Amino acid sequence: MSGEGNLEAPTRHPLNWRDPSFYDEHALEQELERVFDICHGCRRCFSLCQAFPTLFDAIDAAPGGELDGVDKRVYWKVVDHCYLCDMCYMTKCPYVPPHPWNLDFPHLMLRAKAVKSRKGETSFRDRLLTSTDTVGSLAGIPVVAQLVNAANSSKLGRKLLDQVLHVHPEAPLPEYHSSSARSRLRRQLGAAPVVAAPVATPETTGRVVLFTTCYGNRNEPELATDLAAVYAHNGIELTLADREHCCGMPKLELGDLDAVARLKEQNIPQLLRLVEQGYDIVAPIPSCVLMFKQELPLMFPEDASVQRVRARIFDPFEYLMLRHKAGLLRTDFKARLGRVSYHVPCHLRVQNIGLKTRDVLKLVPDTTVDVIERCSGHNGTYAVKSEFRAASVKIGKPVPLANFADRKALAQAGEQEIRAAVQNVLRGTIAPAPDAD
């Protein structure tokens, strides 16, 4: 007889995505029914995202109030509302492995998305939004960047975008920069004075390769340049890979696992070469770190190169705290931050490393950190899609805005990780203001 919950830590099984049975629709439907019925009897995840209310509302409205009365088309609505944040698995579900019921809701949703993708049922809009390398390269061309930004900030441009691609006119869209983070860093690193040899610790080498990420490279290059300045200030040597491509998370969330595999073949050799030269890896976007730490190792458990990269990639603040642990982080801060509100991204929470950004901020004298651990509702491309905008705003509304000292602080709180998440909260809960954009 199976009891409820585990006394053991959750564990993840490898994703058997290359087995033809993974794409068997009948087997998938049976597993969806099994898992949805367990979820119906539990309902602990009702407040996390729109996937669970969609399922539970359909069951409650069905004859007899049971899953067998639900139209199978609702199953796919549940799948579409899941954006693979992993929070149900990591924080709510009592039946995850090693429990004998072996319930992994996010990876089941990923399997369903992969079936849709393999059948060619993903829209042009979704394929375009997840092609971040291509979009960033085109939108980052000089003059083109200004045109794209102007269109994205005009009412007419947003109306056309909604009509053509079903991108909601009120959803926050990032700016594009023709001067990328990688080009800025090459100039910055080339002009940097020679510093003393980095000091290694038992857990860090003191030499890092910065994986700038698609967002950090083209949408907010200051993420990378500011991080490089912090690392240089603390005696950490920094370099770039010769080439860098999308980590694959957007395509993973679409279920296009073949595209994820192609991106892995482009990134892993570059990163492994630097790891073998004694470099660690950091990336400023939690989703990208999670991709290399968790998703690629689960997709390619037999690939030693993937596992080696996994062992040497860090969240930037995780890395700084490891340096601090060894007494190598400079804490001679000149400024005081006062009250800081810190919104924790879901893909950082599921890395199980603790709140390292908060810990670094708390090292600054006279600083109080208010931690926000609620979903912002942004969730990759989910919040920009017209059909999901209302659900996105609903998800983000419980974020306790009272914790923020003022609206300017709210706008700044997410800059170091995912600013769009904070913008989504702003646009969904309070009227726009110049200092909040």
Protein backbone atom coordinates (compact mmCIF):
# COMPACT_ATOMS: atom_id res chain seq x y z
CA MET A 1 0.00 0.00 0.00
CA SER A 2 1.40 3.40 -0.98
CA GLY A 3 1.44 6.19 1.55
CA GLU A 4 1.18 9.87 0.79
CA GLY A 5 4.41 11.75 0.27
CA ASN A 6 8.08 10.92 0.61
CA LEU A 7 10.65 11.11 3.31
CA GLU A 8 13.31 11.07 0.60
CA ALA A 9 14.45 13.92 -1.61
CA PRO A 10 12.84 14.15 -5.07
CA THR A 11 14.78 12.58 -7.90
CA ARG A 12 14.47 13.00 -11.66
CA HIS A 13 14.50 10.14 -14.16
CA PRO A 14 16.25 10.63 -17.51
CA LEU A 15 13.98 11.78 -20.32
CA ASN A 16 13.51 8.84 -22.70
CA TRP A 17 12.87 11.14 -25.64
CA ARG A 18 14.73 9.14 -28.30
CA ASP A 19 12.60 6.01 -27.78
CA PRO A 20 9.74 5.78 -30.33
CA SER A 21 7.36 4.87 -27.50
CA PHE A 22 7.84 8.39 -26.10
CA TYR A 23 5.75 9.66 -29.03
CA ASP A 24 3.06 6.95 -28.87
CA GLU A 25 -0.18 8.96 -28.60
CA HIS A 26 -2.24 6.15 -27.07
CA ALA A 27 0.39 5.56 -24.37
CA LEU A 28 0.61 9.31 -23.78
CA GLU A 29 -3.16 9.60 -23.35
CA GLN A 30 -3.14 6.74 -20.83
CA GLU A 31 -0.39 8.43 -18.81
CA LEU A 32 -2.19 11.78 -18.94
CA GLU A 33 -5.30 10.09 -17.55
CA ARG A 34 -3.33 8.38 -14.78
CA VAL A 35 -1.55 11.54 -13.68
CA PHE A 36 -4.56 13.84 -14.04
CA ASP A 37 -6.63 11.49 -11.89
CA ILE A 38 -3.99 11.60 -9.15
CA CYS A 39 -3.87 15.40 -9.41
CA HIS A 40 -7.67 15.53 -9.17
CA GLY A 41 -7.55 13.63 -5.87
CA CYS A 42 -4.83 15.88 -4.44
CA ARG A 43 -5.21 19.44 -5.83
CA ARG A 44 -2.27 20.88 -3.88
CA CYS A 45 -1.05 22.68 -7.01
CA PHE A 46 -4.27 24.62 -7.68
CA SER A 47 -2.60 27.99 -7.01
CA LEU A 48 0.59 27.58 -9.06
CA CYS A 49 -0.41 28.17 -12.68
CA GLN A 50 -3.41 28.02 -15.00
CA ALA A 51 -2.79 24.38 -16.02
CA PHE A 52 -4.24 23.02 -12.78
CA PRO A 53 -7.36 25.25 -12.55
CA THR A 54 -8.06 24.36 -16.20
CA LEU A 55 -7.99 20.67 -15.31
CA PHE A 56 -9.90 20.95 -12.04
CA ASP A 57 -12.60 23.24 -13.43
CA ALA A 58 -13.21 20.81 -16.29
CA ILE A 59 -13.52 17.89 -13.85
CA ASP A 60 -15.89 19.82 -11.58
CA ALA A 61 -18.08 20.70 -14.56
CA ALA A 62 -18.14 17.14 -15.92
CA PRO A 63 -21.05 14.74 -15.31
CA GLY A 64 -20.28 12.93 -12.07
CA GLY A 65 -17.41 15.30 -11.26
CA GLU A 66 -14.75 12.81 -12.32
CA LEU A 67 -11.99 12.78 -14.95
CA ASP A 68 -13.69 10.18 -17.13
CA GLY A 69 -16.37 12.76 -17.95
CA VAL A 70 -13.87 15.34 -19.28
CA ASP A 71 -13.51 15.95 -23.02
CA LYS A 72 -10.04 14.82 -24.10
CA ARG A 73 -9.55 18.16 -25.86
CA VAL A 74 -9.24 19.73 -22.41
CA TYR A 75 -6.11 17.65 -21.84
CA TRP A 76 -4.34 19.70 -24.51
CA LYS A 77 -5.51 22.97 -22.97
CA VAL A 78 -3.81 21.84 -19.76
CA VAL A 79 -0.65 21.07 -21.72
CA ASP A 80 -0.69 24.49 -23.38
CA HIS A 81 -0.98 26.26 -20.02
CA CYS A 82 2.11 24.49 -18.62
CA TYR A 83 5.29 26.54 -19.13
CA LEU A 84 7.61 24.03 -17.42
CA CYS A 85 8.48 26.14 -14.39
CA ASP A 86 8.97 22.90 -12.37
CA MET A 87 7.47 24.42 -9.23
CA CYS A 88 4.79 21.73 -8.87
CA TYR A 89 7.46 19.05 -8.94
CA MET A 90 9.86 20.79 -6.60
CA THR A 91 7.55 22.40 -4.03
CA LYS A 92 4.07 20.84 -4.02
CA CYS A 93 3.68 17.32 -5.36
CA PRO A 94 3.92 14.53 -2.73
CA TYR A 95 4.04 11.78 -5.36
CA VAL A 96 7.26 12.55 -7.24
CA PRO A 97 9.93 9.84 -7.52
CA PRO A 98 11.00 7.89 -5.53
CA HIS A 99 7.32 7.58 -4.59
CA PRO A 100 5.93 4.47 -6.36
CA TRP A 101 3.35 6.60 -8.21
CA ASN A 102 6.29 8.20 -10.03
CA LEU A 103 4.53 11.46 -10.90
CA ASP A 104 6.55 13.99 -12.88
CA PHE A 105 3.95 16.47 -14.14
CA PRO A 106 6.35 18.87 -15.95
CA HIS A 107 8.07 16.10 -17.88
CA LEU A 108 4.71 14.59 -18.82
CA MET A 109 3.68 17.99 -20.18
CA LEU A 110 7.00 18.14 -22.03
CA ARG A 111 6.28 14.74 -23.56
CA ALA A 112 2.87 15.96 -24.73
CA LYS A 113 4.42 19.11 -26.20
CA ALA A 114 7.02 16.94 -27.96
CA VAL A 115 4.25 14.84 -29.52
CA LYS A 116 2.58 18.03 -30.83
CA SER A 117 5.89 19.30 -32.16
CA ARG A 118 6.75 16.00 -33.86
CA LYS A 119 3.31 16.08 -35.56
CA GLY A 120 3.94 19.63 -36.83
CA GLU A 121 1.15 21.14 -34.73
CA THR A 122 3.14 24.12 -33.41
CA SER A 123 2.26 27.50 -34.89
CA PHE A 124 4.53 29.78 -36.91
CA ARG A 125 4.22 32.34 -34.09
CA ASP A 126 5.52 29.87 -31.51
CA ARG A 127 8.36 28.67 -33.72
CA LEU A 128 9.36 32.29 -34.38
CA LEU A 129 9.25 33.42 -30.74
CA THR A 130 11.45 30.49 -29.70
CA SER A 131 14.03 31.08 -32.46
CA THR A 132 15.90 33.53 -30.29
CA ASP A 133 19.22 33.33 -32.13
CA THR A 134 17.61 34.20 -35.47
CA VAL A 135 15.31 36.91 -34.09
CA GLY A 136 18.14 38.47 -32.08
CA SER A 137 20.52 38.50 -35.04
CA LEU A 138 17.99 40.12 -37.35
CA ALA A 139 16.56 42.56 -34.81
CA GLY A 140 20.09 43.46 -33.72
CA ILE A 141 21.16 44.79 -37.11
CA PRO A 142 21.88 48.55 -36.90
CA VAL A 143 18.85 50.61 -37.97
CA VAL A 144 16.71 47.46 -37.86
CA ALA A 145 17.00 47.48 -34.07
CA GLN A 146 15.69 51.05 -33.90
CA LEU A 147 12.81 50.18 -36.24
CA VAL A 148 11.87 47.07 -34.26
CA ASN A 149 11.99 48.97 -30.96
CA ALA A 150 9.90 51.80 -32.37
CA ALA A 151 7.28 49.40 -33.71
CA ASN A 152 7.17 47.47 -30.44
CA SER A 153 6.59 50.66 -28.47
CA SER A 154 3.88 52.13 -30.72
CA LYS A 155 0.15 51.42 -30.48
CA LEU A 156 -0.11 50.80 -34.21
CA GLY A 157 2.87 48.44 -34.22
CA ARG A 158 1.48 46.46 -31.30
CA LYS A 159 -1.96 46.29 -32.90
CA LEU A 160 -0.42 44.84 -36.08
CA LEU A 161 1.67 42.41 -34.02
CA ASP A 162 -1.48 41.20 -32.31
CA GLN A 163 -3.34 40.78 -35.58
CA VAL A 164 -0.50 38.99 -37.39
CA LEU A 165 1.22 36.97 -34.64
CA HIS A 166 -1.27 37.13 -31.75
CA VAL A 167 1.22 38.89 -29.47
CA HIS A 168 -0.82 40.82 -26.93
CA PRO A 169 -0.54 44.63 -27.25
CA GLU A 170 -0.17 45.10 -23.47
CA ALA A 171 2.45 42.39 -22.93
CA PRO A 172 5.98 43.63 -22.13
CA LEU A 173 8.45 43.15 -24.98
CA PRO A 174 12.22 43.61 -24.58
CA GLU A 175 14.24 46.15 -26.49
CA TYR A 176 16.88 45.01 -29.00
CA HIS A 177 20.41 46.39 -29.11
CA SER A 178 22.66 46.50 -32.16
CA SER A 179 25.66 46.68 -29.84
CA SER A 180 25.52 43.19 -28.33
CA ALA A 181 26.91 42.14 -24.97
CA ARG A 182 29.47 39.91 -26.65
CA SER A 183 30.80 42.76 -28.82
CA ARG A 184 30.95 45.10 -25.81
CA LEU A 185 32.73 42.49 -23.71
CA ARG A 186 35.30 41.78 -26.41
CA ARG A 187 36.22 45.47 -26.39
CA GLN A 188 36.09 45.61 -22.59
CA LEU A 189 38.26 42.52 -22.15
CA GLY A 190 40.71 43.65 -24.80
CA ALA A 191 41.25 46.98 -23.03
CA ALA A 192 41.39 45.53 -19.50
CA PRO A 193 44.73 45.80 -17.68
CA VAL A 194 46.58 42.61 -16.81
CA VAL A 195 45.57 41.43 -13.35
CA ALA A 196 47.12 39.02 -10.92
CA ALA A 197 46.61 35.31 -11.48
CA PRO A 198 43.20 34.22 -10.18
CA VAL A 199 43.08 32.31 -6.92
CA ALA A 200 41.36 28.93 -7.00
CA THR A 201 39.30 27.47 -4.16
CA PRO A 202 38.17 23.87 -3.56
CA GLU A 203 34.92 24.68 -5.41
CA THR A 204 35.89 27.36 -7.95
CA THR A 205 38.82 28.01 -10.28
CA GLY A 206 38.54 31.82 -10.22
CA ARG A 207 38.39 31.75 -14.03
CA VAL A 208 34.98 31.89 -15.72
CA VAL A 209 33.52 31.85 -19.20
CA LEU A 210 30.47 34.08 -19.37
CA PHE A 211 27.61 32.54 -21.34
CA THR A 212 25.84 35.79 -22.13
CA THR A 213 22.52 34.14 -23.20
CA CYS A 214 20.19 35.34 -25.97
CA TYR A 215 18.42 37.79 -23.68
CA GLY A 216 21.60 39.10 -22.11
CA ASN A 217 23.36 39.42 -25.44
CA ARG A 218 20.75 41.30 -27.48
CA ASN A 219 18.04 42.53 -25.09
CA GLU A 220 19.87 43.67 -21.97
CA PRO A 221 23.64 43.69 -22.62
CA GLU A 222 24.24 45.59 -19.37
CA LEU A 223 23.55 42.31 -17.55
CA ALA A 224 26.74 40.88 -18.97
CA THR A 225 28.93 43.99 -18.84
CA ASP A 226 27.93 44.79 -15.24
CA LEU A 227 28.56 41.19 -14.20
CA ALA A 228 31.96 41.28 -15.89
CA ALA A 229 32.83 44.44 -13.94
CA VAL A 230 31.81 42.82 -10.64
CA TYR A 231 33.90 39.75 -11.37
CA ALA A 232 36.92 41.83 -12.41
CA HIS A 233 36.58 43.84 -9.18
CA ASN A 234 36.80 40.57 -7.28
CA GLY A 235 39.84 39.19 -9.13
CA ILE A 236 37.91 36.67 -11.21
CA GLU A 237 39.27 36.16 -14.70
CA LEU A 238 36.57 36.28 -17.39
CA THR A 239 36.45 35.17 -21.01
CA LEU A 240 33.92 34.37 -23.74
CA ALA A 241 33.42 31.26 -25.82
CA ASP A 242 34.38 31.65 -29.49
CA ARG A 243 30.75 31.07 -30.43
CA GLU A 244 27.52 30.95 -28.45
CA HIS A 245 24.02 29.81 -29.33
CA CYS A 246 20.69 29.66 -27.51
CA CYS A 247 20.82 27.25 -24.56
CA GLY A 248 17.71 25.51 -25.91
CA MET A 249 15.21 26.35 -23.17
CA PRO A 250 12.74 28.15 -25.50
CA LYS A 251 12.68 25.15 -27.85
CA LEU A 252 12.36 22.79 -24.88
CA GLU A 253 9.27 24.67 -23.71
CA LEU A 254 7.87 24.27 -27.23
CA GLY A 255 8.58 20.52 -27.19
CA ASP A 256 11.01 20.73 -30.13
CA LEU A 257 13.54 18.31 -28.67
CA ASP A 258 15.35 17.80 -31.97
CA ALA A 259 16.12 21.53 -32.03
CA VAL A 260 17.35 21.29 -28.42
CA ALA A 261 19.69 18.49 -29.48
CA ARG A 262 21.07 20.58 -32.36
CA LEU A 263 21.75 23.52 -30.03
CA LYS A 264 23.43 21.19 -27.55
CA GLU A 265 25.79 20.01 -30.31
CA GLN A 266 26.74 23.64 -30.98
CA ASN A 267 27.22 24.76 -27.36
CA ILE A 268 28.64 21.83 -25.44
CA PRO A 269 31.90 21.43 -27.43
CA GLN A 270 32.62 25.16 -27.02
CA LEU A 271 31.99 25.11 -23.29
CA LEU A 272 33.75 21.79 -22.69
CA ARG A 273 36.90 23.10 -24.37
CA LEU A 274 37.01 25.97 -21.88
CA VAL A 275 36.22 23.71 -18.92
CA GLU A 276 39.19 21.56 -19.92
CA GLN A 277 41.31 24.73 -19.90
CA GLY A 278 40.34 25.35 -16.27
CA TYR A 279 37.35 27.67 -16.65
CA ASP A 280 34.06 27.56 -14.76
CA ILE A 281 30.86 28.80 -16.47
CA VAL A 282 28.30 31.39 -15.38
CA ALA A 283 25.19 32.74 -17.11
CA PRO A 284 23.03 35.68 -15.97
CA ILE A 285 19.65 34.07 -16.81
CA PRO A 286 18.46 31.32 -14.42
CA SER A 287 16.61 29.40 -17.16
CA CYS A 288 19.83 29.04 -19.14
CA VAL A 289 21.75 27.82 -16.11
CA LEU A 290 18.95 25.33 -15.39
CA MET A 291 19.12 24.07 -18.97
CA PHE A 292 22.77 23.06 -18.57
CA LYS A 293 22.38 21.94 -14.96
CA GLN A 294 19.23 19.84 -15.31
CA GLU A 295 17.44 19.52 -18.64
CA LEU A 296 20.35 18.64 -20.95
CA PRO A 297 21.79 16.12 -18.44
CA LEU A 298 18.35 14.46 -18.24
CA MET A 299 18.06 14.38 -22.03
CA PHE A 300 21.63 13.10 -22.51
CA PRO A 301 22.52 11.13 -19.34
CA GLU A 302 25.11 9.06 -21.20
CA ASP A 303 26.99 12.06 -22.64
CA ALA A 304 30.11 12.65 -20.55
CA SER A 305 30.65 16.09 -22.10
CA VAL A 306 27.19 17.26 -20.99
CA GLN A 307 27.84 15.95 -17.49
CA ARG A 308 31.20 17.74 -17.28
CA VAL A 309 29.65 21.05 -18.31
CA ARG A 310 26.85 20.45 -15.80
CA ALA A 311 29.41 20.10 -13.00
CA ARG A 312 31.08 23.44 -13.80
CA ILE A 313 28.18 25.84 -14.49
CA PHE A 314 27.00 28.20 -11.77
CA ASP A 315 24.47 30.91 -11.10
CA PRO A 316 26.52 34.17 -10.95
CA PHE A 317 25.60 34.88 -7.32
CA GLU A 318 26.10 31.26 -6.36
CA TYR A 319 29.64 31.69 -7.67
CA LEU A 320 30.19 34.91 -5.73
CA MET A 321 29.02 33.29 -2.51
CA LEU A 322 31.37 30.37 -3.05
CA ARG A 323 34.19 32.90 -3.41
CA HIS A 324 32.98 34.66 -0.27
CA LYS A 325 33.03 31.33 1.58
CA ALA A 326 36.75 31.16 0.76
CA GLY A 327 37.31 34.78 1.87
CA LEU A 328 37.85 36.03 -1.69
CA LEU A 329 34.86 38.33 -2.16
CA ARG A 330 35.53 42.03 -1.65
CA THR A 331 33.04 43.49 0.81
CA ASP A 332 34.41 47.04 1.03
CA PHE A 333 31.13 48.43 -0.28
CA LYS A 334 30.98 52.20 -0.69
CA ALA A 335 27.21 52.58 -1.09
CA ARG A 336 24.25 51.48 1.02
CA LEU A 337 21.25 49.93 -0.70
CA GLY A 338 18.61 50.49 1.96
CA ARG A 339 15.47 48.44 1.30
CA VAL A 340 15.71 46.11 -1.71
CA SER A 341 12.89 43.94 -3.06
CA TYR A 342 14.16 40.79 -4.72
CA HIS A 343 11.88 38.69 -6.92
CA VAL A 344 13.18 35.11 -7.12
CA PRO A 345 12.76 33.50 -10.57
CA CYS A 346 11.14 30.05 -10.50
CA HIS A 347 13.97 28.53 -12.54
CA LEU A 348 16.38 29.72 -9.88
CA ARG A 349 14.33 28.24 -7.05
CA VAL A 350 14.28 24.79 -8.64
CA GLN A 351 18.09 24.72 -8.84
CA ASN A 352 18.09 24.07 -5.08
CA ILE A 353 21.05 26.33 -4.37
CA GLY A 354 19.29 28.67 -1.95
CA LEU A 355 18.83 32.42 -2.34
CA LYS A 356 22.36 33.43 -3.25
CA THR A 357 21.39 36.79 -4.75
CA ARG A 358 19.76 37.70 -1.45
CA ASP A 359 22.83 36.49 0.45
CA VAL A 360 25.16 38.69 -1.60
CA LEU A 361 22.90 41.73 -1.20
CA LYS A 362 22.76 41.20 2.56
CA LEU A 363 26.53 41.59 2.71
CA VAL A 364 26.06 45.29 1.91
CA PRO A 365 25.78 47.27 5.17
CA ASP A 366 22.44 48.88 6.03
CA THR A 367 20.58 46.76 3.49
CA THR A 368 17.23 45.02 4.00
CA VAL A 369 16.16 42.44 1.43
CA ASP A 370 12.46 41.65 0.90
CA VAL A 371 12.23 38.30 -0.89
CA ILE A 372 9.32 37.70 -3.28
CA GLU A 373 8.78 33.99 -3.98
CA ARG A 374 5.67 34.11 -6.15
CA CYS A 375 5.38 33.59 -9.88
CA SER A 376 5.37 36.82 -11.87
CA GLY A 377 3.24 35.34 -14.63
CA HIS A 378 5.81 36.15 -17.34
CA ASN A 379 7.09 32.60 -17.92
CA GLY A 380 9.14 32.71 -21.11
CA THR A 381 6.91 33.48 -24.09
CA TYR A 382 3.66 32.57 -22.28
CA ALA A 383 2.77 36.10 -21.15
CA VAL A 384 3.18 37.72 -24.56
CA LYS A 385 0.70 35.42 -26.31
CA SER A 386 -2.72 36.98 -26.70
CA GLU A 387 -4.63 33.85 -25.71
CA PHE A 388 -2.70 33.54 -22.42
CA ARG A 389 -2.38 37.19 -21.43
CA ALA A 390 -5.36 37.21 -19.05
CA ALA A 391 -4.10 34.05 -17.31
CA SER A 392 -0.62 35.55 -17.08
CA VAL A 393 -1.92 38.69 -15.34
CA LYS A 394 -4.01 36.56 -12.98
CA ILE A 395 -0.94 34.50 -12.02
CA GLY A 396 1.18 37.60 -11.37
CA LYS A 397 -1.36 39.54 -9.31
CA PRO A 398 -0.66 37.80 -5.96
CA VAL A 399 2.93 39.11 -6.04
CA PRO A 400 2.94 41.29 -2.90
CA LEU A 401 3.60 44.75 -4.30
CA ALA A 402 3.42 46.17 -0.78
CA ASN A 403 6.83 44.62 -0.16
CA PHE A 404 8.42 47.05 -2.60
CA ALA A 405 9.66 50.29 -1.13
CA ASP A 406 8.46 52.24 -4.19
CA ARG A 407 7.62 51.68 -7.83
CA LYS A 408 11.10 52.57 -9.00
CA ALA A 409 12.51 49.89 -6.74
CA LEU A 410 10.04 47.44 -8.26
CA ALA A 411 11.25 48.24 -11.76
CA GLN A 412 14.87 47.79 -10.69
CA ALA A 413 14.42 44.68 -8.58
CA GLY A 414 14.42 42.27 -11.50
CA GLU A 415 17.16 43.80 -13.62
CA GLN A 416 19.82 41.35 -12.59
CA GLU A 417 17.80 38.29 -13.46
CA ILE A 418 14.62 38.72 -15.55
CA ARG A 419 13.36 42.29 -15.82
CA ALA A 420 10.46 41.28 -18.05
CA ALA A 421 8.97 39.31 -15.17
CA VAL A 422 8.85 42.47 -13.07
CA GLN A 423 7.39 44.45 -15.97
CA ASN A 424 4.67 41.84 -16.28
CA VAL A 425 3.72 42.35 -12.64
CA LEU A 426 3.69 46.12 -13.14
CA ARG A 427 1.51 46.07 -16.22
CA GLY A 428 -0.88 43.53 -14.78
CA THR A 429 -1.47 45.14 -11.39
CA ILE A 430 -0.88 48.90 -11.51
CA ALA A 431 -1.21 51.63 -14.10
CA PRO A 432 1.91 52.24 -16.21
CA ALA A 433 4.20 55.01 -15.07
CA PRO A 434 7.29 56.52 -16.75
CA ASP A 435 9.66 55.38 -14.01
CA ALA A 436 8.34 51.82 -14.19
CA ASP A 437 9.10 51.05 -17.81
